[in-house]
């Protein structure tokens, strides 16, 4: 067949186009070529947008960490230059220079504020485009900013410290006793928070500590008596010996105490027997019964003896085979390091491990109401953060013949009702109920087990799993208390 003479007259490229136009397969090729450009742009933008998101996200995380590190450096009294160095070090650690192909950059650091210092960090770099560079987009700017300040507003801390007899022993690999390690650890906490204490005082706020040493009972009697003498019972029953055939029996005998006896730390050091409780609390009890006045942290005594505390009297109580009266507790106050150190040196390890009595009085001393009401919700118009640090070197361990805050259980049966084999389990559940009660007051609890394991009860007592830990030796314990000091101030990002 003869070719169309018109085709011979057209330019070569136009003829090719016309042939492709008439050919169905040629049409597909044209359309495919035309669509490749926007398709490539779409895919390329998705890839590069994803890279931009990852880089900006990683830079923001590095910025936040760096600003927090800088704020800690401010709290530690570092100079502006040292703070900037700390910020840059943390930023580069979390986002190394040239990561993801970014250009080198140096974060900018600014410290603002007078009494409440704020560390401000900004950083910017450029990220080269991988695919979009074919369309003229060579690079894009990535910028982040962040600020951190330390939210130390009226911080109240109660230290509930196990001073049982085992604290006289040394932890494995230690040469010093556990009580010596505890003294050093508490001072490490104080040192960590000392700069903040000064800043708060300058701003009209406060950071205070209260201390509750505990073992078989607690020494709070003189605090109660000074608050209101009627909070202490002048007469109370004690188990005393009586003739019982060829053996010795014991029966409850009322003993009266004079005001002179009660007010003297010589005749009465100040340890107490708890007020009315109930033996209906078992290992499965889920709520504190209304008749358990001892577990009602905020109940103020009335004229009824059931609502008041009896003196722990080792002379009047004759049925015991072991007694222990810890060092006197201290209400919330602002301490100097010297005063705190002197007080810690008076801690005297002795007695059994009654976690519940320690938590009862930790709760009472940190409460905003009750017999003391020492920790109000606000002070000078600013809120109060409340914390309990509960330190023990062993699991709960009671004894039926030990003279505790509940008398001698074999005879008084205030907790067990006679089921002596259930004594530990019942005290354990009382501890669990108390931990929940204290946390419901808005108190954050830290639990530290020293040279001991954490059981479920101790772990659950902490406000979260991260606030329950073990320390195997004195070095670990000191580090843990310093770490708690860092976290207890509630650092927060402001931007």
Protein backbone atom coordinates (compact mmCIF):
# COMPACT_ATOMS: atom_id res chain seq x y z
CA UNK A 1 0.00 0.00 0.00
CA UNK A 2 1.33 3.43 -0.87
CA UNK A 3 2.19 5.72 2.01
CA UNK A 4 0.13 8.85 2.58
CA UNK A 5 1.83 11.65 0.75
CA UNK A 6 0.87 13.98 3.63
CA UNK A 7 3.07 11.96 6.00
CA UNK A 8 6.08 12.52 3.79
CA UNK A 9 5.63 16.26 4.02
CA UNK A 10 5.48 16.42 7.86
CA UNK A 11 8.64 16.80 9.99
CA UNK A 12 10.00 13.54 11.44
CA UNK A 13 9.07 14.33 15.04
CA UNK A 14 5.55 15.36 14.13
CA UNK A 15 5.07 12.22 12.13
CA UNK A 16 6.23 10.17 15.07
CA UNK A 17 3.78 11.97 17.34
CA UNK A 18 0.91 11.39 14.91
CA UNK A 19 1.73 7.74 14.63
CA UNK A 20 1.82 7.46 18.43
CA UNK A 21 -1.44 9.37 18.66
CA UNK A 22 -3.14 6.94 16.28
CA UNK A 23 -1.57 3.97 18.13
CA UNK A 24 -3.27 2.89 21.41
CA UNK A 25 -0.02 1.65 22.87
CA UNK A 26 1.57 5.00 22.09
CA UNK A 27 -1.16 6.83 23.98
CA UNK A 28 -0.39 4.81 27.09
CA UNK A 29 3.28 5.71 26.85
CA UNK A 30 2.49 9.41 26.59
CA UNK A 31 0.13 9.33 29.57
CA UNK A 32 2.60 7.33 31.67
CA UNK A 33 5.39 9.78 30.93
CA UNK A 34 3.15 12.72 31.75
CA UNK A 35 2.11 11.21 35.09
CA UNK A 36 5.61 10.27 36.19
CA UNK A 37 6.48 13.83 37.14
CA UNK A 38 3.65 14.47 39.67
CA UNK A 39 3.91 10.88 40.92
CA UNK A 40 7.60 11.36 41.61
CA UNK A 41 6.84 14.64 43.36
CA UNK A 42 4.15 12.99 45.50
CA UNK A 43 6.35 10.09 46.57
CA UNK A 44 9.34 12.34 47.11
CA UNK A 45 7.40 14.78 49.26
CA UNK A 46 6.13 11.91 51.43
CA UNK A 47 9.65 10.63 51.98
CA UNK A 48 11.10 14.04 52.75
CA UNK A 49 8.16 15.13 54.95
CA UNK A 50 8.68 11.96 56.99
CA UNK A 51 12.37 12.78 57.38
CA UNK A 52 11.51 16.33 58.46
CA UNK A 53 9.08 15.00 61.09
CA UNK A 54 11.62 12.56 62.52
CA UNK A 55 14.37 15.18 62.68
CA UNK A 56 12.14 17.79 64.31
CA UNK A 57 10.81 15.24 66.81
CA UNK A 58 14.30 14.06 67.78
CA UNK A 59 15.57 17.62 68.07
CA UNK A 60 12.63 18.56 70.31
CA UNK A 61 13.31 15.61 72.60
CA UNK A 62 16.97 16.59 72.77
CA UNK A 63 15.98 20.19 73.50
CA UNK A 64 13.67 19.17 76.35
CA UNK A 65 16.33 16.94 77.92
CA UNK A 66 18.96 19.65 77.56
CA UNK A 67 16.80 22.35 79.16
CA UNK A 68 16.02 20.09 82.12
CA UNK A 69 19.72 19.28 82.53
CA UNK A 70 20.48 22.99 82.40
CA UNK A 71 17.88 23.69 85.07
CA UNK A 72 19.50 21.13 87.35
CA UNK A 73 22.83 22.82 86.77
CA UNK A 74 21.25 26.13 87.83
CA UNK A 75 19.91 24.50 91.01
CA UNK A 76 23.39 23.19 91.80
CA UNK A 77 24.74 26.76 91.72
CA UNK A 78 26.66 26.52 88.43
CA UNK A 79 27.71 29.65 86.55
CA UNK A 80 25.95 30.69 83.36
CA UNK A 81 28.84 29.38 81.29
CA UNK A 82 28.74 25.99 82.95
CA UNK A 83 24.97 25.81 82.51
CA UNK A 84 25.35 26.50 78.78
CA UNK A 85 28.02 23.82 78.50
CA UNK A 86 25.74 21.33 80.26
CA UNK A 87 22.85 22.17 77.93
CA UNK A 88 24.98 21.75 74.79
CA UNK A 89 26.46 18.50 76.09
CA UNK A 90 23.01 16.99 76.69
CA UNK A 91 21.65 18.31 73.38
CA UNK A 92 24.53 16.78 71.41
CA UNK A 93 24.27 13.52 73.32
CA UNK A 94 20.61 13.10 72.37
CA UNK A 95 20.94 14.60 68.87
CA UNK A 96 24.52 14.25 67.63
CA UNK A 97 25.87 16.82 65.18
CA UNK A 98 25.09 16.01 61.51
CA UNK A 99 22.52 13.38 62.51
CA UNK A 100 20.24 12.51 59.56
CA UNK A 101 22.49 14.65 57.36
CA UNK A 102 21.67 17.93 59.13
CA UNK A 103 24.05 20.87 59.09
CA UNK A 104 26.18 21.55 62.18
CA UNK A 105 24.64 23.95 64.71
CA UNK A 106 25.12 25.24 68.26
CA UNK A 107 22.07 25.49 70.58
CA UNK A 108 21.42 28.93 72.07
CA UNK A 109 20.94 29.10 75.85
CA UNK A 110 19.35 31.93 77.83
CA UNK A 111 18.59 32.03 81.57
CA UNK A 112 15.73 34.29 82.59
CA UNK A 113 13.90 35.08 85.84
CA UNK A 114 15.09 36.28 89.21
CA UNK A 115 14.05 34.00 92.08
CA UNK A 116 12.58 31.33 89.78
CA UNK A 117 15.15 30.67 87.09
CA UNK A 118 14.00 29.49 83.65
CA UNK A 119 16.41 27.87 81.20
CA UNK A 120 15.44 28.68 77.60
CA UNK A 121 16.95 26.77 74.68
CA UNK A 122 16.58 27.34 70.93
CA UNK A 123 18.25 25.47 68.10
CA UNK A 124 18.05 25.50 64.31
CA UNK A 125 19.61 23.58 61.45
CA UNK A 126 18.95 22.65 57.82
CA UNK A 127 18.04 19.27 56.41
CA UNK A 128 18.89 18.44 52.77
CA UNK A 129 16.04 17.01 50.71
CA UNK A 130 16.47 13.54 49.28
CA UNK A 131 13.92 13.47 46.44
CA UNK A 132 12.47 16.97 46.37
CA UNK A 133 15.86 18.35 45.42
CA UNK A 134 15.03 17.28 41.83
CA UNK A 135 12.26 19.86 41.91
CA UNK A 136 14.36 22.71 43.20
CA UNK A 137 13.86 22.20 46.97
CA UNK A 138 17.46 21.76 48.07
CA UNK A 139 17.02 21.99 51.89
CA UNK A 140 14.58 23.00 54.59
CA UNK A 141 15.07 24.70 57.95
CA UNK A 142 14.22 22.83 61.17
CA UNK A 143 13.88 24.89 64.38
CA UNK A 144 12.96 23.94 67.95
CA UNK A 145 12.64 25.75 71.26
CA UNK A 146 12.03 24.70 74.86
CA UNK A 147 12.10 26.07 78.41
CA UNK A 148 12.39 24.41 81.80
CA UNK A 149 11.89 25.65 85.31
CA UNK A 150 11.86 23.91 88.66
CA UNK A 151 8.48 23.78 90.32
CA UNK A 152 9.65 23.81 93.94
CA UNK A 153 6.64 25.34 95.63
CA UNK A 154 6.28 24.79 99.37
CA UNK A 155 7.67 21.27 99.50
CA UNK A 156 6.99 19.21 102.65
CA UNK A 157 8.84 15.92 103.13
CA UNK A 158 8.28 13.35 105.88
CA UNK A 159 11.03 10.76 106.33
CA UNK A 160 9.62 7.54 107.81
CA UNK A 161 12.75 5.64 108.84
CA UNK A 162 13.07 2.05 109.97
CA UNK A 163 15.22 2.04 113.12
CA UNK A 164 14.69 -1.59 114.08
CA UNK A 165 17.41 -3.67 115.68
CA UNK A 166 18.76 -4.99 112.35
CA UNK A 167 19.82 -1.45 111.41
CA UNK A 168 22.78 -1.99 113.74
CA UNK A 169 24.14 -4.55 111.27
CA UNK A 170 26.12 -3.84 108.13
CA UNK A 171 24.77 -4.48 104.65
CA UNK A 172 26.69 -7.00 102.51
CA UNK A 173 30.00 -5.52 101.26
CA UNK A 174 29.72 -2.63 103.74
CA UNK A 175 31.98 -1.98 106.71
CA UNK A 176 29.68 0.56 108.34
CA UNK A 177 26.32 -0.22 109.91
CA UNK A 178 23.07 0.38 108.07
CA UNK A 179 22.11 3.15 110.49
CA UNK A 180 25.33 4.97 109.60
CA UNK A 181 24.55 4.58 105.92
CA UNK A 182 21.05 5.92 106.51
CA UNK A 183 22.41 9.03 108.21
CA UNK A 184 24.65 9.72 105.21
CA UNK A 185 21.79 9.09 102.78
CA UNK A 186 19.46 11.56 104.49
CA UNK A 187 22.18 14.20 104.41
CA UNK A 188 22.68 13.48 100.68
CA UNK A 189 18.98 14.21 100.17
CA UNK A 190 19.33 17.43 102.15
CA UNK A 191 22.40 18.52 100.17
CA UNK A 192 20.61 17.89 96.89
CA UNK A 193 17.72 20.12 97.92
CA UNK A 194 19.68 22.76 99.86
CA UNK A 195 19.96 25.24 96.93
CA UNK A 196 16.21 24.99 96.38
CA UNK A 197 15.54 25.56 100.07
CA UNK A 198 17.46 28.85 99.88
CA UNK A 199 15.66 29.92 96.70
CA UNK A 200 12.26 29.20 98.23
CA UNK A 201 13.05 31.14 101.38
CA UNK A 202 14.10 34.11 99.27
CA UNK A 203 10.78 33.90 97.42
CA UNK A 204 8.68 33.68 100.61
CA UNK A 205 8.11 29.93 100.34
CA UNK A 206 9.53 26.98 102.24
CA UNK A 207 10.97 23.47 102.05
CA UNK A 208 10.55 21.50 105.28
CA UNK A 209 11.33 18.08 106.68
CA UNK A 210 9.65 15.97 109.33
CA UNK A 211 11.04 12.67 110.63
CA UNK A 212 9.35 9.57 112.05
CA UNK A 213 11.75 6.88 113.32
CA UNK A 214 9.77 3.67 113.87
CA UNK A 215 10.21 0.13 115.09
CA UNK A 216 7.69 -1.57 117.41
CA UNK A 217 6.15 1.80 118.17
CA UNK A 218 6.88 5.50 117.60
CA UNK A 219 7.97 8.30 119.87
CA UNK A 220 5.34 11.01 119.38
CA UNK A 221 3.97 11.34 122.91
CA UNK A 222 5.75 14.54 123.85
CA UNK A 223 4.62 16.13 120.56
CA UNK A 224 1.02 15.21 121.37
CA UNK A 225 1.29 16.33 124.98
CA UNK A 226 2.73 19.70 123.94
CA UNK A 227 -0.07 20.13 121.39
CA UNK A 228 -2.81 19.28 123.88
CA UNK A 229 -2.23 17.50 127.18
CA UNK A 230 -5.69 15.92 126.93
CA UNK A 231 -4.56 13.92 123.89
CA UNK A 232 -2.71 11.59 126.29
CA UNK A 233 -4.53 9.25 128.65
CA UNK A 234 -3.45 9.70 132.26
CA UNK A 235 -4.75 6.22 133.12
CA UNK A 236 -4.54 3.12 130.94
CA UNK A 237 -4.50 -0.69 131.33
CA UNK A 238 -1.25 -2.66 131.31
CA UNK A 239 -0.64 -6.40 131.63
CA UNK A 240 0.69 -7.16 135.10
CA UNK A 241 1.66 -10.40 136.81
CA UNK A 242 -0.63 -12.18 139.19
CA UNK A 243 -0.55 -15.52 140.99
CA UNK A 244 -1.92 -18.36 138.89
CA UNK A 245 -1.23 -21.65 140.60
CA UNK A 246 2.42 -22.58 140.08
CA UNK A 247 2.81 -20.34 137.01
CA UNK A 248 2.56 -16.61 136.39
CA UNK A 249 -0.50 -15.16 134.76
CA UNK A 250 -1.11 -11.66 133.49
CA UNK A 251 -4.16 -9.47 133.66
CA UNK A 252 -4.96 -5.91 132.65
CA UNK A 253 -4.45 -3.48 135.53
CA UNK A 254 -5.21 0.24 135.29
CA UNK A 255 -2.19 2.44 135.99
CA UNK A 256 -2.45 6.17 136.63
CA UNK A 257 0.19 8.67 135.48
CA UNK A 258 0.59 12.11 136.98
CA UNK A 259 1.07 15.23 134.88
CA UNK A 260 4.61 15.50 136.25
CA UNK A 261 5.35 11.97 135.02
CA UNK A 262 3.86 12.64 131.58
CA UNK A 263 5.59 15.96 131.03
CA UNK A 264 9.08 14.66 131.87
CA UNK A 265 11.18 12.98 129.17
CA UNK A 266 13.11 11.31 131.96
CA UNK A 267 10.17 9.35 133.36
CA UNK A 268 8.38 9.09 130.00
CA UNK A 269 10.55 9.35 126.85
CA UNK A 270 7.41 9.72 124.76
CA UNK A 271 6.61 6.43 123.02
CA UNK A 272 2.93 5.61 122.80
CA UNK A 273 0.37 2.85 122.64
CA UNK A 274 -2.10 3.44 119.83
CA UNK A 275 -5.68 4.42 120.50
CA UNK A 276 -8.66 2.14 119.93
CA UNK A 277 -8.46 -0.31 117.05
CA UNK A 278 -10.42 -3.39 115.98
CA UNK A 279 -9.44 -7.01 115.47
CA UNK A 280 -11.91 -7.30 112.58
CA UNK A 281 -9.25 -6.30 110.04
CA UNK A 282 -7.96 -9.41 108.28
CA UNK A 283 -5.67 -9.97 105.30
CA UNK A 284 -8.64 -9.48 102.94
CA UNK A 285 -10.17 -6.33 104.44
CA UNK A 286 -10.55 -3.66 101.74
CA UNK A 287 -11.62 -0.61 103.75
CA UNK A 288 -10.69 0.87 107.13
CA UNK A 289 -13.51 0.14 109.63
CA UNK A 290 -14.98 3.15 111.42
CA UNK A 291 -14.08 1.57 114.78
CA UNK A 292 -10.34 1.55 113.91
CA UNK A 293 -9.56 4.95 115.40
CA UNK A 294 -5.83 4.25 115.17
CA UNK A 295 -6.02 4.13 111.37
CA UNK A 296 -8.09 7.31 111.12
CA UNK A 297 -5.25 9.71 110.42
CA UNK A 298 -7.24 12.90 110.83
CA UNK A 299 -9.45 12.05 113.83
CA UNK A 300 -8.98 14.56 116.64
CA UNK A 301 -9.37 13.08 120.16
CA UNK A 302 -12.52 13.76 122.16
CA UNK A 303 -13.07 13.20 125.86
CA UNK A 304 -13.31 9.47 125.22
CA UNK A 305 -10.24 7.42 126.17
CA UNK A 306 -10.84 5.34 123.03
CA UNK A 307 -9.79 8.33 120.89
CA UNK A 308 -6.63 9.16 122.88
CA UNK A 309 -3.16 7.64 123.21
CA UNK A 310 -1.73 5.81 126.21
CA UNK A 311 1.90 6.14 127.33
CA UNK A 312 4.24 3.31 126.39
CA UNK A 313 5.30 2.38 129.93
CA UNK A 314 7.93 -0.36 130.17
CA UNK A 315 7.63 -0.36 133.96
CA UNK A 316 3.86 -0.80 134.07
CA UNK A 317 3.82 -3.41 131.27
CA UNK A 318 5.11 -6.72 132.68
CA UNK A 319 4.06 -9.33 130.09
CA UNK A 320 6.63 -8.40 127.46
CA UNK A 321 9.87 -10.08 126.47
CA UNK A 322 11.21 -7.18 124.39
CA UNK A 323 10.74 -3.41 124.48
CA UNK A 324 11.89 -0.63 122.16
CA UNK A 325 11.33 3.11 122.13
CA UNK A 326 12.77 4.95 119.08
CA UNK A 327 14.14 8.48 119.00
CA UNK A 328 11.49 11.18 119.24
CA UNK A 329 9.76 12.12 115.98
CA UNK A 330 10.02 15.66 114.62
CA UNK A 331 7.24 17.73 113.11
CA UNK A 332 7.69 19.59 109.82
CA UNK A 333 10.29 22.36 110.12
CA UNK A 334 13.07 24.07 108.20
CA UNK A 335 16.35 22.43 109.20
CA UNK A 336 19.97 23.45 109.04
CA UNK A 337 22.35 20.74 107.94
CA UNK A 338 24.06 20.79 111.32
CA UNK A 339 20.79 20.34 113.22
CA UNK A 340 19.75 17.52 110.94
CA UNK A 341 23.09 15.75 111.33
CA UNK A 342 22.94 16.06 115.11
CA UNK A 343 19.44 14.62 115.16
CA UNK A 344 20.34 11.70 112.89
CA UNK A 345 23.17 10.79 115.27
CA UNK A 346 20.58 10.16 118.01
CA UNK A 347 18.77 7.42 116.04
CA UNK A 348 18.96 4.25 118.10
CA UNK A 349 18.24 0.90 116.35
CA UNK A 350 16.08 -1.47 118.38
CA UNK A 351 12.82 -3.38 118.23
CA UNK A 352 10.59 -5.19 115.71
CA UNK A 353 9.39 -4.12 112.26
CA UNK A 354 5.88 -2.66 112.36
CA UNK A 355 5.49 -0.84 109.03
CA UNK A 356 1.92 0.14 109.84
CA UNK A 357 2.83 2.25 112.88
CA UNK A 358 5.44 4.10 110.83
CA UNK A 359 2.97 4.91 108.05
CA UNK A 360 0.25 5.95 110.53
CA UNK A 361 2.44 8.69 111.92
CA UNK A 362 4.02 9.59 108.62
CA UNK A 363 0.48 10.30 107.45
CA UNK A 364 -0.42 12.27 110.58
CA UNK A 365 2.62 14.51 110.33
CA UNK A 366 2.13 15.25 106.60
CA UNK A 367 -1.63 15.85 106.85
CA UNK A 368 -3.25 19.25 106.39
CA UNK A 369 -5.70 18.46 109.21
CA UNK A 370 -5.89 16.16 112.24
CA UNK A 371 -4.08 16.73 115.54
CA UNK A 372 -1.28 18.79 113.99
CA UNK A 373 -2.46 20.04 110.59
CA UNK A 374 1.15 20.94 109.81
CA UNK A 375 1.03 20.81 106.00
CA UNK A 376 -1.62 23.24 104.71
CA UNK A 377 -2.71 23.04 101.07
CA UNK A 378 -1.25 26.50 100.45
CA UNK A 379 1.32 28.76 102.09
CA UNK A 380 1.73 32.42 101.17
CA UNK A 381 -0.71 31.91 98.33
CA UNK A 382 1.26 29.05 96.73
CA UNK A 383 0.37 25.32 96.74
CA UNK A 384 2.15 22.70 98.82
CA UNK A 385 3.66 19.50 97.43
CA UNK A 386 3.75 16.64 99.94
CA UNK A 387 6.05 13.62 99.98
CA UNK A 388 6.78 10.64 102.23
CA UNK A 389 10.06 8.75 101.88
CA UNK A 390 9.57 5.36 103.54
CA UNK A 391 12.84 3.50 104.18
CA UNK A 392 13.05 -0.01 105.61
CA UNK A 393 15.76 -2.65 105.86
CA UNK A 394 13.36 -5.57 106.08
CA UNK A 395 9.89 -6.94 105.53
CA UNK A 396 7.23 -6.56 108.20
CA UNK A 397 7.99 -8.75 111.23
CA UNK A 398 5.97 -8.60 114.45
CA UNK A 399 5.87 -10.80 117.55
CA UNK A 400 3.15 -11.88 120.01
CA UNK A 401 5.33 -11.31 123.10
CA UNK A 402 6.92 -8.06 121.98
CA UNK A 403 5.68 -4.85 123.61
CA UNK A 404 4.51 -2.70 120.69
CA UNK A 405 2.16 0.20 120.07
CA UNK A 406 -0.64 -2.36 120.47
CA UNK A 407 0.46 -3.72 123.82
CA UNK A 408 1.53 -7.36 124.08
CA UNK A 409 -0.53 -9.18 121.46
CA UNK A 410 -0.55 -12.54 123.21
CA UNK A 411 -2.55 -11.01 126.05
CA UNK A 412 -4.11 -7.79 124.70
CA UNK A 413 -5.15 -9.27 121.32
CA UNK A 414 -6.01 -5.84 119.93
CA UNK A 415 -5.02 -6.70 116.35
CA UNK A 416 -5.48 -10.46 116.11
CA UNK A 417 -8.41 -11.13 118.42
CA UNK A 418 -6.53 -14.23 119.50
CA UNK A 419 -5.51 -15.51 116.03
CA UNK A 420 -1.80 -15.07 116.73
CA UNK A 421 -0.74 -16.98 113.61
CA UNK A 422 -2.34 -14.20 111.55
CA UNK A 423 -0.55 -11.36 113.32
CA UNK A 424 1.87 -10.46 110.53
CA UNK A 425 -0.78 -10.76 107.82
CA UNK A 426 -3.15 -8.47 109.70
CA UNK A 427 -0.50 -5.83 110.35
CA UNK A 428 0.47 -6.09 106.68
CA UNK A 429 -3.07 -5.38 105.52
CA UNK A 430 -3.31 -2.44 107.90
CA UNK A 431 -0.16 -1.09 106.25
CA UNK A 432 -1.73 -1.54 102.81
CA UNK A 433 -4.88 0.30 103.87
CA UNK A 434 -2.81 3.13 105.34
CA UNK A 435 -0.73 3.54 102.17
CA UNK A 436 -3.92 3.97 100.15
CA UNK A 437 -5.31 6.42 102.69
CA UNK A 438 -2.16 8.57 102.62
CA UNK A 439 -2.01 8.60 98.82
CA UNK A 440 -5.66 9.64 98.72
CA UNK A 441 -4.59 12.77 100.64
CA UNK A 442 -2.49 13.78 97.64
CA UNK A 443 0.81 12.63 99.15
CA UNK A 444 3.46 11.11 96.87
CA UNK A 445 5.18 8.10 98.48
CA UNK A 446 8.69 6.80 97.78
CA UNK A 447 9.67 3.38 99.17
CA UNK A 448 13.31 2.30 99.55
CA UNK A 449 14.26 -1.20 100.73
CA UNK A 450 17.82 -1.21 102.08
CA UNK A 451 19.74 -4.50 101.86
CA UNK A 452 16.37 -6.19 101.56
CA UNK A 453 13.89 -7.22 98.90
CA UNK A 454 10.69 -5.43 97.95
CA UNK A 455 7.54 -7.47 98.39
CA UNK A 456 4.27 -6.64 96.62
CA UNK A 457 2.99 -4.70 99.62
CA UNK A 458 5.97 -2.33 99.71
CA UNK A 459 5.94 -1.89 95.93
CA UNK A 460 2.23 -1.12 95.91
CA UNK A 461 2.65 1.39 98.71
CA UNK A 462 4.76 3.62 96.46
CA UNK A 463 2.87 6.09 94.29
CA UNK A 464 4.15 4.31 91.18
CA UNK A 465 6.52 1.49 90.32
CA UNK A 466 9.33 3.96 89.63
CA UNK A 467 9.14 5.20 93.22
CA UNK A 468 9.81 1.77 94.76
CA UNK A 469 13.42 0.59 94.72
CA UNK A 470 16.07 -1.44 96.49
CA UNK A 471 19.57 -0.42 97.59
CA UNK A 472 21.99 -3.25 98.23
CA UNK A 473 24.67 -1.29 100.10
CA UNK A 474 25.47 2.11 101.57
CA UNK A 475 26.71 3.57 98.28
CA UNK A 476 23.47 2.59 96.56
CA UNK A 477 21.39 4.00 99.40
CA UNK A 478 23.16 7.37 99.35
CA UNK A 479 22.79 7.56 95.56
CA UNK A 480 19.09 6.67 95.81
CA UNK A 481 18.32 9.41 98.32
CA UNK A 482 20.19 11.94 96.17
CA UNK A 483 18.20 10.77 93.14
CA UNK A 484 14.94 11.17 95.05
CA UNK A 485 16.03 14.70 95.89
CA UNK A 486 16.45 15.41 92.18
CA UNK A 487 13.04 14.04 91.29
CA UNK A 488 11.08 15.28 94.27
CA UNK A 489 11.19 18.88 93.06
CA UNK A 490 8.96 18.11 90.07
CA UNK A 491 10.95 19.65 87.25
CA UNK A 492 8.57 20.70 84.53
CA UNK A 493 8.82 21.96 80.96
CA UNK A 494 7.16 25.33 80.48
CA UNK A 495 7.17 25.27 76.69
